PDB file of all heavy atoms in Angstrom:
ATOM      1  N   ALA A   1     161.622 102.507 194.788  1.00  0.00           N
ATOM      2  CA  ALA A   1     161.681 102.997 196.164  1.00  0.00           C
ATOM      3  C   ALA A   1     160.243 103.310 196.584  1.00  0.00           C
ATOM      4  O   ALA A   1     159.743 104.405 196.330  1.00  0.00           O
ATOM      5  CB  ALA A   1     162.559 104.236 196.245  1.00  0.00           C
ATOM      6  N   GLN A   2     159.570 102.341 197.213  1.00  0.00           N
ATOM      7  CA  GLN A   2     158.131 102.464 197.432  1.00  0.00           C
ATOM      8  C   GLN A   2     157.801 103.035 198.811  1.00  0.00           C
ATOM      9  O   GLN A   2     158.407 102.681 199.822  1.00  0.00           O
ATOM     10  CB  GLN A   2     157.466 101.097 197.233  1.00  0.00           C
ATOM     11  CG  GLN A   2     157.636 100.589 195.807  1.00  0.00           C
ATOM     12  CD  GLN A   2     156.783  99.374 195.487  1.00  0.00           C
ATOM     13  OE1 GLN A   2     155.884  98.996 196.243  1.00  0.00           O
ATOM     14  NE2 GLN A   2     157.054  98.758 194.348  1.00  0.00           N
ATOM     15  N   LEU A   3     156.831 103.936 198.787  1.00  0.00           N
ATOM     16  CA  LEU A   3     156.341 104.603 200.009  1.00  0.00           C
ATOM     17  C   LEU A   3     154.826 104.518 200.001  1.00  0.00           C
ATOM     18  O   LEU A   3     154.189 104.783 198.979  1.00  0.00           O
ATOM     19  CB  LEU A   3     156.779 106.075 200.010  1.00  0.00           C
ATOM     20  CG  LEU A   3     156.112 106.998 201.034  1.00  0.00           C
ATOM     21  CD1 LEU A   3     156.559 106.634 202.447  1.00  0.00           C
ATOM     22  CD2 LEU A   3     156.433 108.463 200.725  1.00  0.00           C
ATOM     23  N   THR A   4     154.224 104.144 201.142  1.00  0.00           N
ATOM     24  CA  THR A   4     152.768 104.033 201.234  1.00  0.00           C
ATOM     25  C   THR A   4     152.206 105.106 202.168  1.00  0.00           C
ATOM     26  O   THR A   4     152.687 105.287 203.289  1.00  0.00           O
ATOM     27  CB  THR A   4     152.346 102.644 201.735  1.00  0.00           C
ATOM     28  OG1 THR A   4     152.886 101.657 200.862  1.00  0.00           O
ATOM     29  CG2 THR A   4     150.832 102.511 201.745  1.00  0.00           C
ATOM     30  N   LEU A   5     151.182 105.812 201.680  1.00  0.00           N
ATOM     31  CA  LEU A   5     150.480 106.846 202.443  1.00  0.00           C
ATOM     32  C   LEU A   5     149.073 106.355 202.756  1.00  0.00           C
ATOM     33  O   LEU A   5     148.422 105.746 201.899  1.00  0.00           O
ATOM     34  CB  LEU A   5     150.414 108.141 201.621  1.00  0.00           C
ATOM     35  CG  LEU A   5     151.744 108.675 201.081  1.00  0.00           C
ATOM     36  CD1 LEU A   5     151.504 109.826 200.114  1.00  0.00           C
ATOM     37  CD2 LEU A   5     152.646 109.115 202.231  1.00  0.00           C
ATOM     38  N   HIS A   6     148.597 106.606 203.967  1.00  0.00           N
ATOM     39  CA  HIS A   6     147.284 106.129 204.400  1.00  0.00           C
ATOM     40  C   HIS A   6     146.389 107.313 204.795  1.00  0.00           C
ATOM     41  O   HIS A   6     146.864 108.315 205.323  1.00  0.00           O
ATOM     42  CB  HIS A   6     147.410 105.193 205.615  1.00  0.00           C
ATOM     43  CG  HIS A   6     148.282 104.009 205.387  1.00  0.00           C
ATOM     44  ND1 HIS A   6     147.897 102.913 204.643  1.00  0.00           N
ATOM     45  CD2 HIS A   6     149.549 103.741 205.805  1.00  0.00           C
ATOM     46  CE1 HIS A   6     148.867 102.020 204.611  1.00  0.00           C
ATOM     47  NE2 HIS A   6     149.879 102.503 205.319  1.00  0.00           N
ATOM     48  N   THR A   7     145.096 107.147 204.541  1.00  0.00           N
ATOM     49  CA  THR A   7     144.127 108.136 204.996  1.00  0.00           C
ATOM     50  C   THR A   7     142.768 107.467 205.137  1.00  0.00           C
ATOM     51  O   THR A   7     142.586 106.314 204.722  1.00  0.00           O
ATOM     52  CB  THR A   7     144.037 109.339 204.023  1.00  0.00           C
ATOM     53  OG1 THR A   7     143.291 110.386 204.647  1.00  0.00           O
ATOM     54  CG2 THR A   7     143.356 108.948 202.719  1.00  0.00           C
ATOM     55  N   GLU A   8     141.818 108.198 205.736  1.00  0.00           N
ATOM     56  CA  GLU A   8     140.434 107.731 205.824  1.00  0.00           C
ATOM     57  C   GLU A   8     139.506 108.771 205.210  1.00  0.00           C
ATOM     58  O   GLU A   8     139.758 109.975 205.296  1.00  0.00           O
ATOM     59  CB  GLU A   8     140.032 107.454 207.282  1.00  0.00           C
ATOM     60  CG  GLU A   8     140.609 106.167 207.827  1.00  0.00           C
ATOM     61  CD  GLU A   8     139.978 105.769 209.155  1.00  0.00           C
ATOM     62  OE1 GLU A   8     139.509 106.671 209.886  1.00  0.00           O
ATOM     63  OE2 GLU A   8     139.954 104.564 209.451  1.00  0.00           O
ATOM     64  N   VAL A   9     138.436 108.282 204.607  1.00  0.00           N
ATOM     65  CA  VAL A   9     137.527 109.129 203.854  1.00  0.00           C
ATOM     66  C   VAL A   9     136.098 108.841 204.300  1.00  0.00           C
ATOM     67  O   VAL A   9     135.747 107.682 204.558  1.00  0.00           O
ATOM     68  CB  VAL A   9     137.653 108.824 202.345  1.00  0.00           C
ATOM     69  CG1 VAL A   9     136.781 109.745 201.526  1.00  0.00           C
ATOM     70  CG2 VAL A   9     139.094 108.907 201.902  1.00  0.00           C
ATOM     71  N   SER A  10     135.280 109.872 204.353  1.00  0.00           N
ATOM     72  CA  SER A  10     133.852 109.647 204.573  1.00  0.00           C
ATOM     73  C   SER A  10     133.245 109.114 203.277  1.00  0.00           C
ATOM     74  O   SER A  10     133.375 109.725 202.209  1.00  0.00           O
ATOM     75  CB  SER A  10     133.159 110.945 204.967  1.00  0.00           C
ATOM     76  OG  SER A  10     131.745 110.763 204.963  1.00  0.00           O
ATOM     77  N   ALA A  11     132.589 107.959 203.366  1.00  0.00           N
ATOM     78  CA  ALA A  11     131.998 107.334 202.180  1.00  0.00           C
ATOM     79  C   ALA A  11     130.515 107.669 202.031  1.00  0.00           C
ATOM     80  O   ALA A  11     129.845 107.111 201.155  1.00  0.00           O
ATOM     81  CB  ALA A  11     132.188 105.818 202.256  1.00  0.00           C
ATOM     82  N   LYS A  12     130.005 108.567 202.850  1.00  0.00           N
ATOM     83  CA  LYS A  12     128.563 108.859 202.853  1.00  0.00           C
ATOM     84  C   LYS A  12     128.058 109.293 201.481  1.00  0.00           C
ATOM     85  O   LYS A  12     127.065 108.755 200.964  1.00  0.00           O
ATOM     86  CB  LYS A  12     128.258 109.937 203.895  1.00  0.00           C
ATOM     87  CG  LYS A  12     126.783 110.324 203.965  1.00  0.00           C
ATOM     88  CD  LYS A  12     126.553 111.408 205.013  1.00  0.00           C
ATOM     89  CE  LYS A  12     125.086 111.837 205.045  1.00  0.00           C
ATOM     90  NZ  LYS A  12     124.850 112.923 206.043  1.00  0.00           N
ATOM     91  N   GLU A  13     128.723 110.267 200.867  1.00  0.00           N
ATOM     92  CA  GLU A  13     128.250 110.785 199.583  1.00  0.00           C
ATOM     93  C   GLU A  13     128.455 109.762 198.455  1.00  0.00           C
ATOM     94  O   GLU A  13     127.666 109.712 197.514  1.00  0.00           O
ATOM     95  CB  GLU A  13     128.969 112.098 199.255  1.00  0.00           C
ATOM     96  CG  GLU A  13     128.641 113.238 200.209  1.00  0.00           C
ATOM     97  CD  GLU A  13     127.140 113.529 200.240  1.00  0.00           C
ATOM     98  OE1 GLU A  13     126.484 113.453 199.175  1.00  0.00           O
ATOM     99  OE2 GLU A  13     126.625 113.828 201.334  1.00  0.00           O
ATOM    100  N   MET A  14     129.507 108.959 198.547  1.00  0.00           N
ATOM    101  CA  MET A  14     129.717 107.930 197.538  1.00  0.00           C
ATOM    102  C   MET A  14     128.619 106.874 197.610  1.00  0.00           C
ATOM    103  O   MET A  14     128.137 106.384 196.575  1.00  0.00           O
ATOM    104  CB  MET A  14     131.092 107.271 197.711  1.00  0.00           C
ATOM    105  CG  MET A  14     131.394 106.225 196.644  1.00  0.00           C
ATOM    106  SD  MET A  14     133.086 105.576 196.723  1.00  0.00           S
ATOM    107  CE  MET A  14     133.002 104.622 198.247  1.00  0.00           C
ATOM    108  N   ILE A  15     128.200 106.534 198.806  1.00  0.00           N
ATOM    109  CA  ILE A  15     127.109 105.573 198.982  1.00  0.00           C
ATOM    110  C   ILE A  15     125.819 106.129 198.381  1.00  0.00           C
ATOM    111  O   ILE A  15     125.069 105.422 197.695  1.00  0.00           O
ATOM    112  CB  ILE A  15     126.930 105.237 200.479  1.00  0.00           C
ATOM    113  CG1 ILE A  15     128.156 104.478 201.006  1.00  0.00           C
ATOM    114  CG2 ILE A  15     125.655 104.420 200.701  1.00  0.00           C
ATOM    115  CD1 ILE A  15     128.167 104.287 202.508  1.00  0.00           C
ATOM    116  N   GLU A  16     125.561 107.420 198.633  1.00  0.00           N
ATOM    117  CA  GLU A  16     124.359 108.048 198.078  1.00  0.00           C
ATOM    118  C   GLU A  16     124.408 108.098 196.554  1.00  0.00           C
ATOM    119  O   GLU A  16     123.403 107.866 195.873  1.00  0.00           O
ATOM    120  CB  GLU A  16     124.210 109.460 198.644  1.00  0.00           C
ATOM    121  CG  GLU A  16     123.830 109.498 200.116  1.00  0.00           C
ATOM    122  CD  GLU A  16     122.514 108.777 200.389  1.00  0.00           C
ATOM    123  OE1 GLU A  16     121.544 108.977 199.609  1.00  0.00           O
ATOM    124  OE2 GLU A  16     122.462 108.001 201.363  1.00  0.00           O
ATOM    125  N   LEU A  17     125.589 108.413 196.009  1.00  0.00           N
ATOM    126  CA  LEU A  17     125.743 108.437 194.549  1.00  0.00           C
ATOM    127  C   LEU A  17     125.458 107.061 193.959  1.00  0.00           C
ATOM    128  O   LEU A  17     124.755 106.942 192.940  1.00  0.00           O
ATOM    129  CB  LEU A  17     127.166 108.881 194.195  1.00  0.00           C
ATOM    130  CG  LEU A  17     127.547 108.781 192.709  1.00  0.00           C
ATOM    131  CD1 LEU A  17     126.683 109.717 191.873  1.00  0.00           C
ATOM    132  CD2 LEU A  17     129.033 109.081 192.518  1.00  0.00           C
ATOM    133  N   ARG A  18     125.967 106.032 194.590  1.00  0.00           N
ATOM    134  CA  ARG A  18     125.742 104.674 194.088  1.00  0.00           C
ATOM    135  C   ARG A  18     124.263 104.312 194.119  1.00  0.00           C
ATOM    136  O   ARG A  18     123.739 103.704 193.167  1.00  0.00           O
ATOM    137  CB  ARG A  18     126.557 103.671 194.916  1.00  0.00           C
ATOM    138  CG  ARG A  18     126.441 102.223 194.472  1.00  0.00           C
ATOM    139  CD  ARG A  18     127.452 101.366 195.201  1.00  0.00           C
ATOM    140  NE  ARG A  18     127.342  99.975 194.813  1.00  0.00           N
ATOM    141  CZ  ARG A  18     126.706  99.039 195.503  1.00  0.00           C
ATOM    142  NH1 ARG A  18     126.083  99.360 196.643  1.00  0.00           N
ATOM    143  NH2 ARG A  18     126.658  97.784 195.083  1.00  0.00           N
ATOM    144  N   LYS A  19     123.563 104.701 195.187  1.00  0.00           N
ATOM    145  CA  LYS A  19     122.128 104.417 195.287  1.00  0.00           C
ATOM    146  C   LYS A  19     121.361 105.093 194.148  1.00  0.00           C
ATOM    147  O   LYS A  19     120.482 104.495 193.524  1.00  0.00           O
ATOM    148  CB  LYS A  19     121.584 104.890 196.642  1.00  0.00           C
ATOM    149  CG  LYS A  19     122.002 104.036 197.822  1.00  0.00           C
ATOM    150  CD  LYS A  19     121.423 104.585 199.126  1.00  0.00           C
ATOM    151  CE  LYS A  19     121.825 103.736 200.325  1.00  0.00           C
ATOM    152  NZ  LYS A  19     121.296 104.310 201.603  1.00  0.00           N
ATOM    153  N   LYS A  20     121.707 106.360 193.858  1.00  0.00           N
ATOM    154  CA  LYS A  20     121.007 107.102 192.806  1.00  0.00           C
ATOM    155  C   LYS A  20     121.286 106.506 191.423  1.00  0.00           C
ATOM    156  O   LYS A  20     120.386 106.359 190.591  1.00  0.00           O
ATOM    157  CB  LYS A  20     121.432 108.572 192.836  1.00  0.00           C
ATOM    158  CG  LYS A  20     120.937 109.316 194.078  1.00  0.00           C
ATOM    159  CD  LYS A  20     121.484 110.736 194.126  1.00  0.00           C
ATOM    160  CE  LYS A  20     121.014 111.454 195.385  1.00  0.00           C
ATOM    161  NZ  LYS A  20     121.585 112.816 195.485  1.00  0.00           N
ATOM    162  N   LEU A  21     122.532 106.137 191.179  1.00  0.00           N
ATOM    163  CA  LEU A  21     122.890 105.547 189.888  1.00  0.00           C
ATOM    164  C   LEU A  21     122.224 104.187 189.697  1.00  0.00           C
ATOM    165  O   LEU A  21     121.762 103.851 188.598  1.00  0.00           O
ATOM    166  CB  LEU A  21     124.409 105.413 189.771  1.00  0.00           C
ATOM    167  CG  LEU A  21     125.192 106.725 189.633  1.00  0.00           C
ATOM    168  CD1 LEU A  21     126.690 106.452 189.675  1.00  0.00           C
ATOM    169  CD2 LEU A  21     124.828 107.448 188.342  1.00  0.00           C
ATOM    170  N   ASN A  22     122.140 103.410 190.754  1.00  0.00           N
ATOM    171  CA  ASN A  22     121.483 102.109 190.665  1.00  0.00           C
ATOM    172  C   ASN A  22     119.979 102.255 190.443  1.00  0.00           C
ATOM    173  O   ASN A  22     119.360 101.448 189.745  1.00  0.00           O
ATOM    174  CB  ASN A  22     121.755 101.280 191.923  1.00  0.00           C
ATOM    175  CG  ASN A  22     123.136 100.650 191.915  1.00  0.00           C
ATOM    176  OD1 ASN A  22     123.716 100.425 190.848  1.00  0.00           O
ATOM    177  ND2 ASN A  22     123.672 100.366 193.093  1.00  0.00           N
ATOM    178  N   ALA A  23     119.398 103.305 191.035  1.00  0.00           N
ATOM    179  CA  ALA A  23     117.971 103.561 190.812  1.00  0.00           C
ATOM    180  C   ALA A  23     117.715 103.915 189.358  1.00  0.00           C
ATOM    181  O   ALA A  23     116.725 103.483 188.753  1.00  0.00           O
ATOM    182  CB  ALA A  23     117.484 104.674 191.743  1.00  0.00           C
ATOM    183  N   LEU A  24     118.607 104.700 188.784  1.00  0.00           N
ATOM    184  CA  LEU A  24     118.474 105.066 187.373  1.00  0.00           C
ATOM    185  C   LEU A  24     118.726 103.879 186.449  1.00  0.00           C
ATOM    186  O   LEU A  24     118.169 103.799 185.360  1.00  0.00           O
ATOM    187  CB  LEU A  24     119.458 106.202 187.034  1.00  0.00           C
ATOM    188  CG  LEU A  24     119.167 107.558 187.675  1.00  0.00           C
ATOM    189  CD1 LEU A  24     120.314 108.518 187.394  1.00  0.00           C
ATOM    190  CD2 LEU A  24     117.854 108.128 187.147  1.00  0.00           C
ATOM    191  N   ALA A  25     119.576 102.946 186.900  1.00  0.00           N
ATOM    192  CA  ALA A  25     119.926 101.782 186.067  1.00  0.00           C
ATOM    193  C   ALA A  25     118.759 100.823 185.920  1.00  0.00           C
ATOM    194  O   ALA A  25     118.690 100.071 184.946  1.00  0.00           O
ATOM    195  CB  ALA A  25     121.133 101.061 186.663  1.00  0.00           C
TER     196      ALA A  25
END
């Protein structure tokens, strides 16, 4: 019995985290 829930999220901090991790990589 499947139910789908939707939302939106600010990706600003995730983008910044990815930039920092890539810089360290």
